[in-house]
Amino acid sequence: MFVSFSSVGYSLEFISTWNTSKSGSSDSLSISLPLESSGNYNFYVDWGDNTNDTITSSSQKEHLYPSEGVYTVKISGTIIGFRFNNNNDRKKIINIEQ
């Protein structure tokens, strides 16, 4: 999936809801974005727990939350290589709002 919001001249966000307690490749306090190792990344992520990061490599894809729960994650910027490929934390993403 290619997502580039900055190149279109206005700010959009990919907004999704995740439930950390569902089964996946990460533990019940974490989510792992499905970033491919060969991808190109330069995006900002608001993790929904009053923390945020700028992601520039696939090694920065996991986030640890203070407690299990449902969190809204907002992403803006460039993502080339975002794919669950029917595994990883695909069961933890429970809704895509935008």
PDB file of N, CA and C in Angstrom:
ATOM      1  N   MET A   1       0.848  -1.161   0.000  1.00  0.00           N
ATOM      2  CA  MET A   1       0.000   0.000   0.000  1.00  0.00           C
ATOM      3  C   MET A   1       0.896   1.227   0.000  1.00  0.00           C
ATOM      4  N   PHE A   2       0.590   2.195  -0.843  1.00  0.00           N
ATOM      5  CA  PHE A   2       1.316   3.455  -0.872  1.00  0.00           C
ATOM      6  C   PHE A   2       0.413   4.532  -0.312  1.00  0.00           C
ATOM      7  N   VAL A   3       0.885   5.232   0.684  1.00  0.00           N
ATOM      8  CA  VAL A   3       0.144   6.335   1.272  1.00  0.00           C
ATOM      9  C   VAL A   3       1.080   7.523   1.356  1.00  0.00           C
ATOM     10  N   SER A   4       0.732   8.606   0.699  1.00  0.00           N
ATOM     11  CA  SER A   4       1.514   9.826   0.793  1.00  0.00           C
ATOM     12  C   SER A   4       0.564  10.996   0.890  1.00  0.00           C
ATOM     13  N   PHE A   5       0.452  11.546   2.073  1.00  0.00           N
ATOM     14  CA  PHE A   5      -0.475  12.636   2.283  1.00  0.00           C
ATOM     15  C   PHE A   5       0.176  13.989   2.013  1.00  0.00           C
ATOM     16  N   SER A   6       1.456  14.104   2.262  1.00  0.00           N
ATOM     17  CA  SER A   6       2.122  15.387   2.104  1.00  0.00           C
ATOM     18  C   SER A   6       2.237  15.794   0.644  1.00  0.00           C
ATOM     19  N   SER A   7       2.285  14.844  -0.285  1.00  0.00           N
ATOM     20  CA  SER A   7       2.483  15.173  -1.685  1.00  0.00           C
ATOM     21  C   SER A   7       1.234  15.728  -2.363  1.00  0.00           C
ATOM     22  N   VAL A   8       0.062  15.578  -1.760  1.00  0.00           N
ATOM     23  CA  VAL A   8      -1.154  16.070  -2.378  1.00  0.00           C
ATOM     24  C   VAL A   8      -1.486  17.496  -1.965  1.00  0.00           C
ATOM     25  N   GLY A   9      -0.694  18.097  -1.107  1.00  0.00           N
ATOM     26  CA  GLY A   9      -0.850  19.488  -0.771  1.00  0.00           C
ATOM     27  C   GLY A   9      -1.798  19.789   0.379  1.00  0.00           C
ATOM     28  N   TYR A  10      -2.298  18.798   1.034  1.00  0.00           N
ATOM     29  CA  TYR A  10      -3.133  19.010   2.208  1.00  0.00           C
ATOM     30  C   TYR A  10      -2.910  17.869   3.182  1.00  0.00           C
ATOM     31  N   SER A  11      -3.354  18.076   4.380  1.00  0.00           N
ATOM     32  CA  SER A  11      -3.074  17.107   5.433  1.00  0.00           C
ATOM     33  C   SER A  11      -4.258  16.160   5.628  1.00  0.00           C
ATOM     34  N   LEU A  12      -4.010  14.883   5.444  1.00  0.00           N
ATOM     35  CA  LEU A  12      -4.981  13.836   5.736  1.00  0.00           C
ATOM     36  C   LEU A  12      -4.346  12.885   6.730  1.00  0.00           C
ATOM     37  N   GLU A  13      -5.166  12.152   7.419  1.00  0.00           N
ATOM     38  CA  GLU A  13      -4.656  11.161   8.351  1.00  0.00           C
ATOM     39  C   GLU A  13      -5.292   9.815   8.065  1.00  0.00           C
ATOM     40  N   PHE A  14      -4.503   8.760   8.244  1.00  0.00           N
ATOM     41  CA  PHE A  14      -5.027   7.410   8.267  1.00  0.00           C
ATOM     42  C   PHE A  14      -5.377   7.171   9.729  1.00  0.00           C
ATOM     43  N   ILE A  15      -6.658   7.016  10.032  1.00  0.00           N
ATOM     44  CA  ILE A  15      -7.117   6.870  11.407  1.00  0.00           C
ATOM     45  C   ILE A  15      -7.696   5.472  11.578  1.00  0.00           C
ATOM     46  N   SER A  16      -7.163   4.735  12.550  1.00  0.00           N
ATOM     47  CA  SER A  16      -7.598   3.368  12.787  1.00  0.00           C
ATOM     48  C   SER A  16      -7.706   3.098  14.285  1.00  0.00           C
ATOM     49  N   THR A  17      -8.510   2.102  14.627  1.00  0.00           N
ATOM     50  CA  THR A  17      -8.695   1.710  16.020  1.00  0.00           C
ATOM     51  C   THR A  17      -8.131   0.313  16.211  1.00  0.00           C
ATOM     52  N   TRP A  18      -7.357   0.144  17.269  1.00  0.00           N
ATOM     53  CA  TRP A  18      -6.681  -1.119  17.570  1.00  0.00           C
ATOM     54  C   TRP A  18      -7.065  -1.585  18.967  1.00  0.00           C
ATOM     55  N   ASN A  19      -7.172  -2.892  19.147  1.00  0.00           N
ATOM     56  CA  ASN A  19      -7.417  -3.489  20.456  1.00  0.00           C
ATOM     57  C   ASN A  19      -6.197  -4.344  20.798  1.00  0.00           C
ATOM     58  N   THR A  20      -5.406  -3.897  21.753  1.00  0.00           N
ATOM     59  CA  THR A  20      -4.147  -4.581  22.082  1.00  0.00           C
ATOM     60  C   THR A  20      -4.358  -5.972  22.661  1.00  0.00           C
ATOM     61  N   SER A  21      -5.527  -6.225  23.242  1.00  0.00           N
ATOM     62  CA  SER A  21      -5.749  -7.514  23.899  1.00  0.00           C
ATOM     63  C   SER A  21      -6.090  -8.643  22.921  1.00  0.00           C
ATOM     64  N   LYS A  22      -6.354  -8.323  21.662  1.00  0.00           N
ATOM     65  CA  LYS A  22      -6.616  -9.374  20.670  1.00  0.00           C
ATOM     66  C   LYS A  22      -5.306 -10.073  20.317  1.00  0.00           C
ATOM     67  N   SER A  23      -5.421 -11.290  19.772  1.00  0.00           N
ATOM     68  CA  SER A  23      -4.221 -12.060  19.440  1.00  0.00           C
ATOM     69  C   SER A  23      -3.508 -11.468  18.224  1.00  0.00           C
ATOM     70  N   GLY A  24      -2.195 -11.625  18.224  1.00  0.00           N
ATOM     71  CA  GLY A  24      -1.386 -11.130  17.121  1.00  0.00           C
ATOM     72  C   GLY A  24       0.072 -11.458  17.321  1.00  0.00           C
ATOM     73  N   SER A  25       0.917 -10.820  16.546  1.00  0.00           N
ATOM     74  CA  SER A  25       2.357 -11.085  16.645  1.00  0.00           C
ATOM     75  C   SER A  25       2.999 -10.362  17.824  1.00  0.00           C
ATOM     76  N   SER A  26       2.330  -9.340  18.350  1.00  0.00           N
ATOM     77  CA  SER A  26       2.865  -8.625  19.516  1.00  0.00           C
ATOM     78  C   SER A  26       2.081  -9.026  20.761  1.00  0.00           C
ATOM     79  N   ASP A  27       2.607  -8.669  21.935  1.00  0.00           N
ATOM     80  CA  ASP A  27       1.937  -9.044  23.181  1.00  0.00           C
ATOM     81  C   ASP A  27       0.698  -8.184  23.437  1.00  0.00           C
ATOM     82  N   SER A  28       0.000  -8.421  24.527  1.00  0.00           N
ATOM     83  CA  SER A  28      -1.278  -7.766  24.809  1.00  0.00           C
ATOM     84  C   SER A  28      -1.162  -6.305  25.233  1.00  0.00           C
ATOM     85  N   LEU A  29       0.054  -5.788  25.340  1.00  0.00           N
ATOM     86  CA  LEU A  29       0.266  -4.372  25.649  1.00  0.00           C
ATOM     87  C   LEU A  29       0.798  -3.605  24.445  1.00  0.00           C
ATOM     88  N   SER A  30       0.886  -4.263  23.292  1.00  0.00           N
ATOM     89  CA  SER A  30       1.535  -3.661  22.130  1.00  0.00           C
ATOM     90  C   SER A  30       0.725  -3.827  20.866  1.00  0.00           C
ATOM     91  N   ILE A  31       1.067  -2.964  19.882  1.00  0.00           N
ATOM     92  CA  ILE A  31       0.654  -3.196  18.505  1.00  0.00           C
ATOM     93  C   ILE A  31       1.899  -3.081  17.641  1.00  0.00           C
ATOM     94  N   SER A  32       1.847  -3.761  16.519  1.00  0.00           N
ATOM     95  CA  SER A  32       2.948  -3.738  15.571  1.00  0.00           C
ATOM     96  C   SER A  32       2.396  -3.359  14.207  1.00  0.00           C
ATOM     97  N   LEU A  33       2.797  -2.195  13.707  1.00  0.00           N
ATOM     98  CA  LEU A  33       2.357  -1.774  12.383  1.00  0.00           C
ATOM     99  C   LEU A  33       2.938  -2.720  11.341  1.00  0.00           C
ATOM    100  N   PRO A  34       2.177  -3.051  10.307  1.00  0.00           N
ATOM    101  CA  PRO A  34       2.647  -4.021   9.309  1.00  0.00           C
ATOM    102  C   PRO A  34       3.571  -3.390   8.265  1.00  0.00           C
ATOM    103  N   LEU A  35       4.740  -2.970   8.705  1.00  0.00           N
ATOM    104  CA  LEU A  35       5.699  -2.321   7.812  1.00  0.00           C
ATOM    105  C   LEU A  35       6.635  -3.351   7.205  1.00  0.00           C
ATOM    106  N   GLU A  36       6.776  -3.308   5.890  1.00  0.00           N
ATOM    107  CA  GLU A  36       7.660  -4.234   5.192  1.00  0.00           C
ATOM    108  C   GLU A  36       9.102  -3.746   5.291  1.00  0.00           C
ATOM    109  N   SER A  37      10.023  -4.656   5.449  1.00  0.00           N
ATOM    110  CA  SER A  37      11.434  -4.285   5.618  1.00  0.00           C
ATOM    111  C   SER A  37      11.995  -3.549   4.410  1.00  0.00           C
ATOM    112  N   SER A  38      11.451  -3.772   3.236  1.00  0.00           N
ATOM    113  CA  SER A  38      11.951  -3.112   2.028  1.00  0.00           C
ATOM    114  C   SER A  38      11.229  -1.797   1.734  1.00  0.00           C
ATOM    115  N   GLY A  39      10.371  -1.353   2.640  1.00  0.00           N
ATOM    116  CA  GLY A  39       9.562  -0.166   2.407  1.00  0.00           C
ATOM    117  C   GLY A  39      10.307   1.150   2.578  1.00  0.00           C
ATOM    118  N   ASN A  40       9.582   2.223   2.302  1.00  0.00           N
ATOM    119  CA  ASN A  40      10.097   3.584   2.438  1.00  0.00           C
ATOM    120  C   ASN A  40       9.153   4.328   3.380  1.00  0.00           C
ATOM    121  N   TYR A  41       9.687   4.866   4.471  1.00  0.00           N
ATOM    122  CA  TYR A  41       8.845   5.442   5.510  1.00  0.00           C
ATOM    123  C   TYR A  41       9.350   6.797   5.976  1.00  0.00           C
ATOM    124  N   ASN A  42       8.428   7.720   6.100  1.00  0.00           N
ATOM    125  CA  ASN A  42       8.672   9.010   6.725  1.00  0.00           C
ATOM    126  C   ASN A  42       7.300   9.536   7.151  1.00  0.00           C
ATOM    127  N   PHE A  43       6.830   9.029   8.298  1.00  0.00           N
ATOM    128  CA  PHE A  43       5.497   9.416   8.736  1.00  0.00           C
ATOM    129  C   PHE A  43       5.467   9.674  10.235  1.00  0.00           C
ATOM    130  N   TYR A  44       4.444  10.418  10.621  1.00  0.00           N
ATOM    131  CA  TYR A  44       4.182  10.774  12.011  1.00  0.00           C
ATOM    132  C   TYR A  44       3.051   9.889  12.496  1.00  0.00           C
ATOM    133  N   VAL A  45       3.190   9.332  13.678  1.00  0.00           N
ATOM    134  CA  VAL A  45       2.119   8.507  14.249  1.00  0.00           C
ATOM    135  C   VAL A  45       1.782   8.992  15.654  1.00  0.00           C
ATOM    136  N   ASP A  46       0.499   9.233  15.870  1.00  0.00           N
ATOM    137  CA  ASP A  46      -0.059   9.527  17.186  1.00  0.00           C
ATOM    138  C   ASP A  46      -0.639   8.199  17.657  1.00  0.00           C
ATOM    139  N   TRP A  47      -0.039   7.616  18.680  1.00  0.00           N
ATOM    140  CA  TRP A  47      -0.388   6.270  19.123  1.00  0.00           C
ATOM    141  C   TRP A  47      -1.695   6.200  19.909  1.00  0.00           C
ATOM    142  N   GLY A  48      -2.293   7.331  20.261  1.00  0.00           N
ATOM    143  CA  GLY A  48      -3.568   7.332  20.971  1.00  0.00           C
ATOM    144  C   GLY A  48      -3.440   7.230  22.478  1.00  0.00           C
ATOM    145  N   ASP A  49      -2.217   7.317  22.987  1.00  0.00           N
ATOM    146  CA  ASP A  49      -1.989   7.269  24.436  1.00  0.00           C
ATOM    147  C   ASP A  49      -1.148   8.463  24.896  1.00  0.00           C
ATOM    148  N   ASN A  50      -1.313   9.575  24.204  1.00  0.00           N
ATOM    149  CA  ASN A  50      -0.569  10.815  24.483  1.00  0.00           C
ATOM    150  C   ASN A  50       0.915  10.705  24.155  1.00  0.00           C
ATOM    151  N   THR A  51       1.284   9.764  23.281  1.00  0.00           N
ATOM    152  CA  THR A  51       2.660   9.680  22.780  1.00  0.00           C
ATOM    153  C   THR A  51       2.619   9.675  21.258  1.00  0.00           C
ATOM    154  N   ASN A  52       3.727  10.077  20.653  1.00  0.00           N
ATOM    155  CA  ASN A  52       3.820  10.093  19.203  1.00  0.00           C
ATOM    156  C   ASN A  52       5.263   9.863  18.784  1.00  0.00           C
ATOM    157  N   ASP A  53       5.437   9.491  17.529  1.00  0.00           N
ATOM    158  CA  ASP A  53       6.761   9.223  16.972  1.00  0.00           C
ATOM    159  C   ASP A  53       6.779   9.608  15.504  1.00  0.00           C
ATOM    160  N   THR A  54       7.982   9.862  15.001  1.00  0.00           N
ATOM    161  CA  THR A  54       8.209   9.960  13.571  1.00  0.00           C
ATOM    162  C   THR A  54       8.901   8.669  13.163  1.00  0.00           C
ATOM    163  N   ILE A  55       8.321   7.958  12.228  1.00  0.00           N
ATOM    164  CA  ILE A  55       8.818   6.650  11.802  1.00  0.00           C
ATOM    165  C   ILE A  55       9.554   6.810  10.475  1.00  0.00           C
ATOM    166  N   THR A  56      10.796   6.339  10.438  1.00  0.00           N
ATOM    167  CA  THR A  56      11.586   6.420   9.213  1.00  0.00           C
ATOM    168  C   THR A  56      12.138   5.065   8.772  1.00  0.00           C
ATOM    169  N   SER A  57      11.865   4.009   9.546  1.00  0.00           N
ATOM    170  CA  SER A  57      12.309   2.673   9.145  1.00  0.00           C
ATOM    171  C   SER A  57      11.352   1.624   9.695  1.00  0.00           C
ATOM    172  N   SER A  58      11.372   0.448   9.082  1.00  0.00           N
ATOM    173  CA  SER A  58      10.464  -0.623   9.508  1.00  0.00           C
ATOM    174  C   SER A  58      10.799  -1.157  10.895  1.00  0.00           C
ATOM    175  N   SER A  59      11.987  -0.894  11.389  1.00  0.00           N
ATOM    176  CA  SER A  59      12.361  -1.380  12.723  1.00  0.00           C
ATOM    177  C   SER A  59      11.660  -0.607  13.842  1.00  0.00           C
ATOM    178  N   GLN A  60      11.014   0.503  13.515  1.00  0.00           N
ATOM    179  CA  GLN A  60      10.325   1.327  14.505  1.00  0.00           C
ATOM    180  C   GLN A  60       8.828   1.043  14.568  1.00  0.00           C
ATOM    181  N   LYS A  61       8.389  -0.125  14.146  1.00  0.00           N
ATOM    182  CA  LYS A  61       6.971  -0.384  13.941  1.00  0.00           C
ATOM    183  C   LYS A  61       6.174  -0.769  15.184  1.00  0.00           C
ATOM    184  N   GLU A  62       6.813  -1.112  16.281  1.00  0.00           N
ATOM    185  CA  GLU A  62       6.084  -1.591  17.450  1.00  0.00           C
ATOM    186  C   GLU A  62       5.947  -0.506  18.512  1.00  0.00           C
ATOM    187  N   HIS A  63       4.774  -0.501  19.154  1.00  0.00           N
ATOM    188  CA  HIS A  63       4.521   0.459  20.230  1.00  0.00           C
ATOM    189  C   HIS A  63       3.991  -0.270  21.453  1.00  0.00           C
ATOM    190  N   LEU A  64       4.535   0.062  22.607  1.00  0.00           N
ATOM    191  CA  LEU A  64       4.131  -0.511  23.886  1.00  0.00           C
ATOM    192  C   LEU A  64       3.217   0.473  24.607  1.00  0.00           C
ATOM    193  N   TYR A  65       2.029   0.015  24.983  1.00  0.00           N
ATOM    194  CA  TYR A  65       1.055   0.834  25.702  1.00  0.00           C
ATOM    195  C   TYR A  65       1.166   0.609  27.209  1.00  0.00           C
ATOM    196  N   PRO A  66       0.688   1.569  28.001  1.00  0.00           N
ATOM    197  CA  PRO A  66       0.751   1.414  29.463  1.00  0.00           C
ATOM    198  C   PRO A  66      -0.208   0.359  30.004  1.00  0.00           C
ATOM    199  N   SER A  67      -1.269   0.062  29.243  1.00  0.00           N
ATOM    200  CA  SER A  67      -2.235  -0.958  29.663  1.00  0.00           C
ATOM    201  C   SER A  67      -2.950  -1.509  28.437  1.00  0.00           C
ATOM    202  N   GLU A  68      -3.512  -2.711  28.585  1.00  0.00           N
ATOM    203  CA  GLU A  68      -4.316  -3.299  27.512  1.00  0.00           C
ATOM    204  C   GLU A  68      -5.496  -2.392  27.230  1.00  0.00           C
ATOM    205  N   GLY A  69      -5.953  -2.385  25.982  1.00  0.00           N
ATOM    206  CA  GLY A  69      -7.135  -1.602  25.691  1.00  0.00           C
ATOM    207  C   GLY A  69      -7.302  -1.284  24.224  1.00  0.00           C
ATOM    208  N   VAL A  70      -8.244  -0.385  23.967  1.00  0.00           N
ATOM    209  CA  VAL A  70      -8.572   0.063  22.626  1.00  0.00           C
ATOM    210  C   VAL A  70      -7.991   1.460  22.443  1.00  0.00           C
ATOM    211  N   TYR A  71      -7.247   1.642  21.358  1.00  0.00           N
ATOM    212  CA  TYR A  71      -6.561   2.908  21.091  1.00  0.00           C
ATOM    213  C   TYR A  71      -6.799   3.343  19.652  1.00  0.00           C
ATOM    214  N   THR A  72      -6.946   4.654  19.457  1.00  0.00           N
ATOM    215  CA  THR A  72      -7.072   5.233  18.127  1.00  0.00           C
ATOM    216  C   THR A  72      -5.703   5.718  17.688  1.00  0.00           C
ATOM    217  N   VAL A  73      -5.237   5.201  16.557  1.00  0.00           N
ATOM    218  CA  VAL A  73      -3.915   5.521  16.012  1.00  0.00           C
ATOM    219  C   VAL A  73      -4.112   6.389  14.780  1.00  0.00           C
ATOM    220  N   LYS A  74      -3.387   7.520  14.734  1.00  0.00           N
ATOM    221  CA  LYS A  74      -3.483   8.446  13.607  1.00  0.00           C
ATOM    222  C   LYS A  74      -2.116   8.555  12.944  1.00  0.00           C
ATOM    223  N   ILE A  75      -2.088   8.361  11.633  1.00  0.00           N
ATOM    224  CA  ILE A  75      -0.843   8.357  10.868  1.00  0.00           C
ATOM    225  C   ILE A  75      -0.947   9.374   9.743  1.00  0.00           C
ATOM    226  N   SER A  76       0.116  10.160   9.554  1.00  0.00           N
ATOM    227  CA  SER A  76       0.186  11.060   8.405  1.00  0.00           C
ATOM    228  C   SER A  76       1.624  11.087   7.896  1.00  0.00           C
ATOM    229  N   GLY A  77       1.769  11.160   6.596  1.00  0.00           N
ATOM    230  CA  GLY A  77       3.087  11.170   5.982  1.00  0.00           C
ATOM    231  C   GLY A  77       3.183  10.143   4.877  1.00  0.00           C
ATOM    232  N   THR A  78       4.380   9.658   4.631  1.00  0.00           N
ATOM    233  CA  THR A  78       4.621   8.722   3.539  1.00  0.00           C
ATOM    234  C   THR A  78       4.866   7.316   4.063  1.00  0.00           C
ATOM    235  N   ILE A  79       4.100   6.377   3.514  1.00  0.00           N
ATOM    236  CA  ILE A  79       4.275   4.956   3.833  1.00  0.00           C
ATOM    237  C   ILE A  79       4.269   4.187   2.521  1.00  0.00           C
ATOM    238  N   ILE A  80       5.365   3.548   2.210  1.00  0.00           N
ATOM    239  CA  ILE A  80       5.431   2.649   1.062  1.00  0.00           C
ATOM    240  C   ILE A  80       5.844   1.296   1.628  1.00  0.00           C
ATOM    241  N   GLY A  81       4.880   0.373   1.707  1.00  0.00           N
ATOM    242  CA  GLY A  81       5.143  -0.944   2.289  1.00  0.00           C
ATOM    243  C   GLY A  81       4.390  -1.171   3.582  1.00  0.00           C
ATOM    244  N   PHE A  82       3.073  -1.206   3.506  1.00  0.00           N
ATOM    245  CA  PHE A  82       2.193  -1.409   4.661  1.00  0.00           C
ATOM    246  C   PHE A  82       1.270  -2.565   4.297  1.00  0.00           C
ATOM    247  N   ARG A  83       1.517  -3.753   4.883  1.00  0.00           N
ATOM    248  CA  ARG A  83       0.751  -4.924   4.486  1.00  0.00           C
ATOM    249  C   ARG A  83       0.728  -5.953   5.608  1.00  0.00           C
ATOM    250  N   PHE A  84      -0.467  -6.387   5.975  1.00  0.00           N
ATOM    251  CA  PHE A  84      -0.612  -7.423   6.994  1.00  0.00           C
ATOM    252  C   PHE A  84      -0.287  -8.806   6.449  1.00  0.00           C
ATOM    253  N   ASN A  85      -0.548  -9.037   5.159  1.00  0.00           N
ATOM    254  CA  ASN A  85      -0.279 -10.319   4.522  1.00  0.00           C
ATOM    255  C   ASN A  85      -0.923 -11.479   5.287  1.00  0.00           C
ATOM    256  N   ASN A  86      -2.142 -11.235   5.786  1.00  0.00           N
ATOM    257  CA  ASN A  86      -2.947 -12.231   6.493  1.00  0.00           C
ATOM    258  C   ASN A  86      -2.294 -12.765   7.772  1.00  0.00           C
ATOM    259  N   ASN A  87      -1.424 -11.993   8.392  1.00  0.00           N
ATOM    260  CA  ASN A  87      -0.853 -12.390   9.687  1.00  0.00           C
ATOM    261  C   ASN A  87      -0.445 -11.143  10.469  1.00  0.00           C
ATOM    262  N   ASN A  88       0.607 -11.198  11.210  1.00  0.00           N
ATOM    263  CA  ASN A  88       1.058 -10.096  12.068  1.00  0.00           C
ATOM    264  C   ASN A  88      -0.043  -9.721  13.056  1.00  0.00           C
ATOM    265  N   ASP A  89      -0.309  -8.440  13.227  1.00  0.00           N
ATOM    266  CA  ASP A  89      -1.333  -7.972  14.173  1.00  0.00           C
ATOM    267  C   ASP A  89      -2.657  -7.651  13.481  1.00  0.00           C
ATOM    268  N   ARG A  90      -2.987  -8.343  12.411  1.00  0.00           N
ATOM    269  CA  ARG A  90      -4.193  -8.038  11.633  1.00  0.00           C
ATOM    270  C   ARG A  90      -5.472  -8.150  12.456  1.00  0.00           C
ATOM    271  N   LYS A  91      -5.511  -9.018  13.460  1.00  0.00           N
ATOM    272  CA  LYS A  91      -6.714  -9.162  14.284  1.00  0.00           C
ATOM    273  C   LYS A  91      -6.847  -8.027  15.288  1.00  0.00           C
ATOM    274  N   LYS A  92      -5.777  -7.300  15.550  1.00  0.00           N
ATOM    275  CA  LYS A  92      -5.825  -6.199  16.512  1.00  0.00           C
ATOM    276  C   LYS A  92      -6.413  -4.933  15.927  1.00  0.00           C
ATOM    277  N   ILE A  93      -6.327  -4.746  14.613  1.00  0.00           N
ATOM    278  CA  ILE A  93      -6.922  -3.551  13.991  1.00  0.00           C
ATOM    279  C   ILE A  93      -8.408  -3.835  13.827  1.00  0.00           C
ATOM    280  N   ILE A  94      -9.236  -3.083  14.540  1.00  0.00           N
ATOM    281  CA  ILE A  94     -10.659  -3.401  14.587  1.00  0.00           C
ATOM    282  C   ILE A  94     -11.523  -2.424  13.780  1.00  0.00           C
ATOM    283  N   ASN A  95     -10.958  -1.289  13.372  1.00  0.00           N
ATOM    284  CA  ASN A  95     -11.741  -0.345  12.578  1.00  0.00           C
ATOM    285  C   ASN A  95     -10.808   0.627  11.869  1.00  0.00           C
ATOM    286  N   ILE A  96     -11.200   1.009  10.674  1.00  0.00           N
ATOM    287  CA  ILE A  96     -10.520   2.091   9.943  1.00  0.00           C
ATOM    288  C   ILE A  96     -11.540   3.193   9.754  1.00  0.00           C
ATOM    289  N   GLU A  97     -11.292   4.328  10.415  1.00  0.00           N
ATOM    290  CA  GLU A  97     -12.228   5.457  10.357  1.00  0.00           C
ATOM    291  C   GLU A  97     -11.984   6.321   9.140  1.00  0.00           C
ATOM    292  N   GLN A  98     -10.706   6.450   8.749  1.00  0.00           N
ATOM    293  CA  GLN A  98     -10.363   7.348   7.637  1.00  0.00           C
ATOM    294  C   GLN A  98      -9.076   6.874   7.008  1.00  0.00           C
TER     295      GLN A  98
END
